[in-house]
Amino acid sequence: MPDALPEYDALVRSYREDGWGIYDDTADMHRAIRWSDAYYGDASSVAVLYSMTGKPMLAQNAKIRNYTETEAGT
């Protein structure tokens, strides 16, 4: 998806400039695990390591699409 690169670059730039959080582009996952407050993402080896910290975790579920409150019964 080389066409997605400009959109990705714009998203990263916006994230950094607007101060949404800390953008960590280092390769040290242990540093990221140590300094973060929580984990959100896919099931992975990083998630397994993160689970050992006792910090809050939320697993992403990419299979949920077009979810509405009606479908939730609310």
PDB file of N, CA and C in Angstrom:
ATOM      1  N   MET A   1       0.817  -1.192   0.000  1.00  0.00           N
ATOM      2  CA  MET A   1       0.000   0.000   0.000  1.00  0.00           C
ATOM      3  C   MET A   1       0.864   1.261   0.000  1.00  0.00           C
ATOM      4  N   PRO A   2       1.689   1.432  -1.000  1.00  0.00           N
ATOM      5  CA  PRO A   2       2.518   2.641  -1.040  1.00  0.00           C
ATOM      6  C   PRO A   2       1.694   3.920  -1.123  1.00  0.00           C
ATOM      7  N   ASP A   3       0.466   3.824  -1.599  1.00  0.00           N
ATOM      8  CA  ASP A   3      -0.385   5.008  -1.691  1.00  0.00           C
ATOM      9  C   ASP A   3      -0.792   5.525  -0.316  1.00  0.00           C
ATOM     10  N   ALA A   4      -0.690   4.683   0.709  1.00  0.00           N
ATOM     11  CA  ALA A   4      -1.109   5.064   2.062  1.00  0.00           C
ATOM     12  C   ALA A   4      -0.044   5.873   2.798  1.00  0.00           C
ATOM     13  N   LEU A   5       1.174   5.910   2.282  1.00  0.00           N
ATOM     14  CA  LEU A   5       2.259   6.588   2.988  1.00  0.00           C
ATOM     15  C   LEU A   5       1.992   8.067   3.261  1.00  0.00           C
ATOM     16  N   PRO A   6       1.526   8.855   2.291  1.00  0.00           N
ATOM     17  CA  PRO A   6       1.252  10.264   2.599  1.00  0.00           C
ATOM     18  C   PRO A   6       0.189  10.439   3.690  1.00  0.00           C
ATOM     19  N   GLU A   7      -0.832   9.605   3.673  1.00  0.00           N
ATOM     20  CA  GLU A   7      -1.880   9.693   4.701  1.00  0.00           C
ATOM     21  C   GLU A   7      -1.321   9.310   6.071  1.00  0.00           C
ATOM     22  N   TYR A   8      -0.489   8.267   6.105  1.00  0.00           N
ATOM     23  CA  TYR A   8       0.138   7.844   7.357  1.00  0.00           C
ATOM     24  C   TYR A   8       1.046   8.951   7.899  1.00  0.00           C
ATOM     25  N   ASP A   9       1.870   9.525   7.024  1.00  0.00           N
ATOM     26  CA  ASP A   9       2.762  10.611   7.449  1.00  0.00           C
ATOM     27  C   ASP A   9       1.976  11.793   8.015  1.00  0.00           C
ATOM     28  N   ALA A  10       0.855  12.118   7.390  1.00  0.00           N
ATOM     29  CA  ALA A  10       0.015  13.224   7.873  1.00  0.00           C
ATOM     30  C   ALA A  10      -0.569  12.897   9.239  1.00  0.00           C
ATOM     31  N   LEU A  11      -0.978  11.658   9.443  1.00  0.00           N
ATOM     32  CA  LEU A  11      -1.531  11.238  10.732  1.00  0.00           C
ATOM     33  C   LEU A  11      -0.482  11.329  11.833  1.00  0.00           C
ATOM     34  N   VAL A  12       0.719  10.841  11.556  1.00  0.00           N
ATOM     35  CA  VAL A  12       1.803  10.912  12.543  1.00  0.00           C
ATOM     36  C   VAL A  12       2.135  12.367  12.862  1.00  0.00           C
ATOM     37  N   ARG A  13       2.233  13.198  11.835  1.00  0.00           N
ATOM     38  CA  ARG A  13       2.528  14.624  12.042  1.00  0.00           C
ATOM     39  C   ARG A  13       1.458  15.281  12.904  1.00  0.00           C
ATOM     40  N   SER A  14       0.184  14.996  12.617  1.00  0.00           N
ATOM     41  CA  SER A  14      -0.919  15.555  13.399  1.00  0.00           C
ATOM     42  C   SER A  14      -0.864  15.076  14.845  1.00  0.00           C
ATOM     43  N   TYR A  15      -0.585  13.800  15.034  1.00  0.00           N
ATOM     44  CA  TYR A  15      -0.490  13.229  16.384  1.00  0.00           C
ATOM     45  C   TYR A  15       0.575  13.950  17.193  1.00  0.00           C
ATOM     46  N   ARG A  16       1.729  14.146  16.575  1.00  0.00           N
ATOM     47  CA  ARG A  16       2.832  14.809  17.274  1.00  0.00           C
ATOM     48  C   ARG A  16       2.540  16.281  17.546  1.00  0.00           C
ATOM     49  N   GLU A  17       2.043  16.994  16.549  1.00  0.00           N
ATOM     50  CA  GLU A  17       1.816  18.430  16.680  1.00  0.00           C
ATOM     51  C   GLU A  17       0.671  18.765  17.628  1.00  0.00           C
ATOM     52  N   ASP A  18      -0.374  17.948  17.628  1.00  0.00           N
ATOM     53  CA  ASP A  18      -1.548  18.226  18.456  1.00  0.00           C
ATOM     54  C   ASP A  18      -1.408  17.707  19.882  1.00  0.00           C
ATOM     55  N   GLY A  19      -0.330  16.984  20.161  1.00  0.00           N
ATOM     56  CA  GLY A  19      -0.065  16.526  21.524  1.00  0.00           C
ATOM     57  C   GLY A  19      -1.046  15.486  22.037  1.00  0.00           C
ATOM     58  N   TRP A  20      -1.489  14.582  21.176  1.00  0.00           N
ATOM     59  CA  TRP A  20      -2.433  13.538  21.605  1.00  0.00           C
ATOM     60  C   TRP A  20      -1.797  12.567  22.581  1.00  0.00           C
ATOM     61  N   GLY A  21      -0.510  12.429  22.505  1.00  0.00           N
ATOM     62  CA  GLY A  21       0.200  11.485  23.358  1.00  0.00           C
ATOM     63  C   GLY A  21       1.676  11.515  23.010  1.00  0.00           C
ATOM     64  N   ILE A  22       2.386  10.522  23.450  1.00  0.00           N
ATOM     65  CA  ILE A  22       3.811  10.411  23.178  1.00  0.00           C
ATOM     66  C   ILE A  22       3.994   9.448  22.013  1.00  0.00           C
ATOM     67  N   TYR A  23       4.613   9.915  20.961  1.00  0.00           N
ATOM     68  CA  TYR A  23       4.882   9.080  19.790  1.00  0.00           C
ATOM     69  C   TYR A  23       6.260   8.462  19.973  1.00  0.00           C
ATOM     70  N   ASP A  24       6.291   7.181  20.207  1.00  0.00           N
ATOM     71  CA  ASP A  24       7.548   6.477  20.452  1.00  0.00           C
ATOM     72  C   ASP A  24       7.971   5.765  19.174  1.00  0.00           C
ATOM     73  N   ASP A  25       9.034   6.248  18.555  1.00  0.00           N
ATOM     74  CA  ASP A  25       9.520   5.610  17.341  1.00  0.00           C
ATOM     75  C   ASP A  25      10.848   4.884  17.566  1.00  0.00           C
ATOM     76  N   THR A  26      11.126   4.557  18.824  1.00  0.00           N
ATOM     77  CA  THR A  26      12.327   3.785  19.120  1.00  0.00           C
ATOM     78  C   THR A  26      12.053   2.306  18.899  1.00  0.00           C
ATOM     79  N   ALA A  27      13.105   1.547  18.801  1.00  0.00           N
ATOM     80  CA  ALA A  27      12.982   0.105  18.583  1.00  0.00           C
ATOM     81  C   ALA A  27      12.978  -0.685  19.888  1.00  0.00           C
ATOM     82  N   ASP A  28      13.040  -0.005  21.018  1.00  0.00           N
ATOM     83  CA  ASP A  28      13.153  -0.679  22.318  1.00  0.00           C
ATOM     84  C   ASP A  28      11.773  -0.931  22.918  1.00  0.00           C
ATOM     85  N   MET A  29      11.220  -2.136  22.677  1.00  0.00           N
ATOM     86  CA  MET A  29       9.880  -2.423  23.177  1.00  0.00           C
ATOM     87  C   MET A  29       9.858  -2.475  24.703  1.00  0.00           C
ATOM     88  N   HIS A  30      10.954  -2.865  25.316  1.00  0.00           N
ATOM     89  CA  HIS A  30      10.980  -2.925  26.779  1.00  0.00           C
ATOM     90  C   HIS A  30      10.844  -1.523  27.377  1.00  0.00           C
ATOM     91  N   ARG A  31      11.444  -0.547  26.732  1.00  0.00           N
ATOM     92  CA  ARG A  31      11.303   0.849  27.172  1.00  0.00           C
ATOM     93  C   ARG A  31       9.854   1.289  27.047  1.00  0.00           C
ATOM     94  N   ALA A  32       9.231   0.953  25.932  1.00  0.00           N
ATOM     95  CA  ALA A  32       7.828   1.321  25.718  1.00  0.00           C
ATOM     96  C   ALA A  32       6.930   0.673  26.762  1.00  0.00           C
ATOM     97  N   ILE A  33       7.172  -0.582  27.055  1.00  0.00           N
ATOM     98  CA  ILE A  33       6.378  -1.292  28.063  1.00  0.00           C
ATOM     99  C   ILE A  33       6.567  -0.638  29.429  1.00  0.00           C
ATOM    100  N   ARG A  34       7.791  -0.332  29.755  1.00  0.00           N
ATOM    101  CA  ARG A  34       8.102   0.239  31.071  1.00  0.00           C
ATOM    102  C   ARG A  34       7.468   1.623  31.257  1.00  0.00           C
ATOM    103  N   TRP A  35       7.504   2.473  30.244  1.00  0.00           N
ATOM    104  CA  TRP A  35       7.052   3.860  30.382  1.00  0.00           C
ATOM    105  C   TRP A  35       5.577   4.069  30.105  1.00  0.00           C
ATOM    106  N   SER A  36       4.900   3.110  29.527  1.00  0.00           N
ATOM    107  CA  SER A  36       3.488   3.296  29.172  1.00  0.00           C
ATOM    108  C   SER A  36       2.578   3.080  30.372  1.00  0.00           C
ATOM    109  N   ASP A  37       1.367   3.612  30.259  1.00  0.00           N
ATOM    110  CA  ASP A  37       0.363   3.462  31.314  1.00  0.00           C
ATOM    111  C   ASP A  37      -0.606   2.328  31.032  1.00  0.00           C
ATOM    112  N   ALA A  38      -0.777   1.992  29.755  1.00  0.00           N
ATOM    113  CA  ALA A  38      -1.731   0.948  29.366  1.00  0.00           C
ATOM    114  C   ALA A  38      -1.374   0.452  27.971  1.00  0.00           C
ATOM    115  N   TYR A  39      -1.976  -0.673  27.585  1.00  0.00           N
ATOM    116  CA  TYR A  39      -1.745  -1.270  26.269  1.00  0.00           C
ATOM    117  C   TYR A  39      -3.055  -1.344  25.515  1.00  0.00           C
ATOM    118  N   TYR A  40      -3.034  -0.930  24.253  1.00  0.00           N
ATOM    119  CA  TYR A  40      -4.159  -1.130  23.348  1.00  0.00           C
ATOM    120  C   TYR A  40      -3.589  -1.644  22.036  1.00  0.00           C
ATOM    121  N   GLY A  41      -4.080  -2.779  21.591  1.00  0.00           N
ATOM    122  CA  GLY A  41      -3.571  -3.289  20.323  1.00  0.00           C
ATOM    123  C   GLY A  41      -3.946  -4.735  20.105  1.00  0.00           C
ATOM    124  N   ASP A  42      -3.294  -5.305  19.101  1.00  0.00           N
ATOM    125  CA  ASP A  42      -3.546  -6.689  18.716  1.00  0.00           C
ATOM    126  C   ASP A  42      -2.870  -7.657  19.670  1.00  0.00           C
ATOM    127  N   ALA A  43      -3.344  -8.892  19.629  1.00  0.00           N
ATOM    128  CA  ALA A  43      -2.668  -9.957  20.356  1.00  0.00           C
ATOM    129  C   ALA A  43      -1.298 -10.149  19.701  1.00  0.00           C
ATOM    130  N   SER A  44      -0.265 -10.158  20.508  1.00  0.00           N
ATOM    131  CA  SER A  44       1.092 -10.270  19.975  1.00  0.00           C
ATOM    132  C   SER A  44       2.037 -10.675  21.089  1.00  0.00           C
ATOM    133  N   SER A  45       3.283 -10.878  20.728  1.00  0.00           N
ATOM    134  CA  SER A  45       4.284 -11.195  21.749  1.00  0.00           C
ATOM    135  C   SER A  45       4.469 -10.010  22.698  1.00  0.00           C
ATOM    136  N   VAL A  46       4.309  -8.802  22.193  1.00  0.00           N
ATOM    137  CA  VAL A  46       4.403  -7.614  23.052  1.00  0.00           C
ATOM    138  C   VAL A  46       3.260  -7.616  24.057  1.00  0.00           C
ATOM    139  N   ALA A  47       2.066  -7.979  23.614  1.00  0.00           N
ATOM    140  CA  ALA A  47       0.913  -8.041  24.517  1.00  0.00           C
ATOM    141  C   ALA A  47       1.144  -9.069  25.623  1.00  0.00           C
ATOM    142  N   VAL A  48       1.755 -10.183  25.279  1.00  0.00           N
ATOM    143  CA  VAL A  48       2.050 -11.198  26.292  1.00  0.00           C
ATOM    144  C   VAL A  48       3.013 -10.644  27.329  1.00  0.00           C
ATOM    145  N   LEU A  49       4.074  -9.992  26.876  1.00  0.00           N
ATOM    146  CA  LEU A  49       5.008  -9.371  27.814  1.00  0.00           C
ATOM    147  C   LEU A  49       4.317  -8.307  28.653  1.00  0.00           C
ATOM    148  N   TYR A  50       3.481  -7.496  27.997  1.00  0.00           N
ATOM    149  CA  TYR A  50       2.792  -6.410  28.695  1.00  0.00           C
ATOM    150  C   TYR A  50       1.865  -6.945  29.776  1.00  0.00           C
ATOM    151  N   SER A  51       1.242  -8.072  29.521  1.00  0.00           N
ATOM    152  CA  SER A  51       0.305  -8.640  30.495  1.00  0.00           C
ATOM    153  C   SER A  51       0.988  -8.949  31.825  1.00  0.00           C
ATOM    154  N   MET A  52       2.285  -9.146  31.795  1.00  0.00           N
ATOM    155  CA  MET A  52       3.030  -9.457  33.011  1.00  0.00           C
ATOM    156  C   MET A  52       3.279  -8.229  33.877  1.00  0.00           C
ATOM    157  N   THR A  53       2.970  -7.029  33.362  1.00  0.00           N
ATOM    158  CA  THR A  53       3.191  -5.809  34.140  1.00  0.00           C
ATOM    159  C   THR A  53       2.062  -5.537  35.125  1.00  0.00           C
ATOM    160  N   GLY A  54       0.895  -6.091  34.863  1.00  0.00           N
ATOM    161  CA  GLY A  54      -0.262  -5.804  35.712  1.00  0.00           C
ATOM    162  C   GLY A  54      -0.956  -4.502  35.340  1.00  0.00           C
ATOM    163  N   LYS A  55      -0.463  -3.822  34.305  1.00  0.00           N
ATOM    164  CA  LYS A  55      -1.079  -2.571  33.856  1.00  0.00           C
ATOM    165  C   LYS A  55      -2.326  -2.888  33.021  1.00  0.00           C
ATOM    166  N   PRO A  56      -3.228  -1.922  32.880  1.00  0.00           N
ATOM    167  CA  PRO A  56      -4.452  -2.141  32.101  1.00  0.00           C
ATOM    168  C   PRO A  56      -4.147  -2.463  30.636  1.00  0.00           C
ATOM    169  N   MET A  57      -4.974  -3.351  30.084  1.00  0.00           N
ATOM    170  CA  MET A  57      -4.828  -3.734  28.684  1.00  0.00           C
ATOM    171  C   MET A  57      -6.199  -3.778  28.023  1.00  0.00           C
ATOM    172  N   LEU A  58      -6.237  -3.411  26.751  1.00  0.00           N
ATOM    173  CA  LEU A  58      -7.449  -3.509  25.951  1.00  0.00           C
ATOM    174  C   LEU A  58      -7.059  -4.091  24.608  1.00  0.00           C
ATOM    175  N   ALA A  59      -7.644  -5.241  24.268  1.00  0.00           N
ATOM    176  CA  ALA A  59      -7.318  -5.902  23.008  1.00  0.00           C
ATOM    177  C   ALA A  59      -8.186  -5.355  21.887  1.00  0.00           C
ATOM    178  N   GLN A  60      -7.552  -5.067  20.783  1.00  0.00           N
ATOM    179  CA  GLN A  60      -8.264  -4.598  19.600  1.00  0.00           C
ATOM    180  C   GLN A  60      -8.937  -5.798  18.931  1.00  0.00           C
ATOM    181  N   ASN A  61     -10.143  -5.590  18.420  1.00  0.00           N
ATOM    182  CA  ASN A  61     -10.835  -6.641  17.685  1.00  0.00           C
ATOM    183  C   ASN A  61     -11.219  -6.085  16.320  1.00  0.00           C
ATOM    184  N   ALA A  62     -10.404  -6.383  15.324  1.00  0.00           N
ATOM    185  CA  ALA A  62     -10.631  -5.846  13.978  1.00  0.00           C
ATOM    186  C   ALA A  62     -11.804  -6.520  13.280  1.00  0.00           C
ATOM    187  N   LYS A  63     -12.361  -7.572  13.865  1.00  0.00           N
ATOM    188  CA  LYS A  63     -13.484  -8.274  13.240  1.00  0.00           C
ATOM    189  C   LYS A  63     -14.813  -7.557  13.446  1.00  0.00           C
ATOM    190  N   ILE A  64     -14.871  -6.606  14.383  1.00  0.00           N
ATOM    191  CA  ILE A  64     -16.103  -5.860  14.622  1.00  0.00           C
ATOM    192  C   ILE A  64     -16.165  -4.725  13.608  1.00  0.00           C
ATOM    193  N   ARG A  65     -17.231  -4.708  12.814  1.00  0.00           N
ATOM    194  CA  ARG A  65     -17.379  -3.677  11.788  1.00  0.00           C
ATOM    195  C   ARG A  65     -18.797  -3.145  11.802  1.00  0.00           C
ATOM    196  N   ASN A  66     -18.934  -1.858  11.528  1.00  0.00           N
ATOM    197  CA  ASN A  66     -20.236  -1.214  11.441  1.00  0.00           C
ATOM    198  C   ASN A  66     -21.079  -1.439  12.692  1.00  0.00           C
ATOM    199  N   TYR A  67     -20.464  -1.371  13.842  1.00  0.00           N
ATOM    200  CA  TYR A  67     -21.148  -1.548  15.125  1.00  0.00           C
ATOM    201  C   TYR A  67     -22.005  -0.335  15.430  1.00  0.00           C
ATOM    202  N   THR A  68     -23.219  -0.572  15.854  1.00  0.00           N
ATOM    203  CA  THR A  68     -24.101   0.524  16.246  1.00  0.00           C
ATOM    204  C   THR A  68     -24.717   0.224  17.589  1.00  0.00           C
ATOM    205  N   GLU A  69     -25.247   1.253  18.249  1.00  0.00           N
ATOM    206  CA  GLU A  69     -25.898   1.044  19.539  1.00  0.00           C
ATOM    207  C   GLU A  69     -27.095   0.125  19.398  1.00  0.00           C
ATOM    208  N   THR A  70     -27.773   0.148  18.272  1.00  0.00           N
ATOM    209  CA  THR A  70     -28.938  -0.711  18.047  1.00  0.00           C
ATOM    210  C   THR A  70     -28.533  -2.177  18.139  1.00  0.00           C
ATOM    211  N   GLU A  71     -27.382  -2.510  17.552  1.00  0.00           N
ATOM    212  CA  GLU A  71     -26.910  -3.880  17.595  1.00  0.00           C
ATOM    213  C   GLU A  71     -26.551  -4.314  19.017  1.00  0.00           C
ATOM    214  N   ALA A  72     -26.188  -3.371  19.853  1.00  0.00           N
ATOM    215  CA  ALA A  72     -25.822  -3.681  21.237  1.00  0.00           C
ATOM    216  C   ALA A  72     -27.051  -3.834  22.108  1.00  0.00           C
ATOM    217  N   GLY A  73     -28.230  -3.539  21.551  1.00  0.00           N
ATOM    218  CA  GLY A  73     -29.450  -3.670  22.334  1.00  0.00           C
ATOM    219  C   GLY A  73     -29.725  -2.495  23.230  1.00  0.00           C
ATOM    220  N   THR A  74     -29.130  -1.349  22.936  1.00  0.00           N
ATOM    221  CA  THR A  74     -29.363  -0.166  23.762  1.00  0.00           C
ATOM    222  C   THR A  74     -30.258   0.826  23.049  1.00  0.00           C
TER     223      THR A  74
END
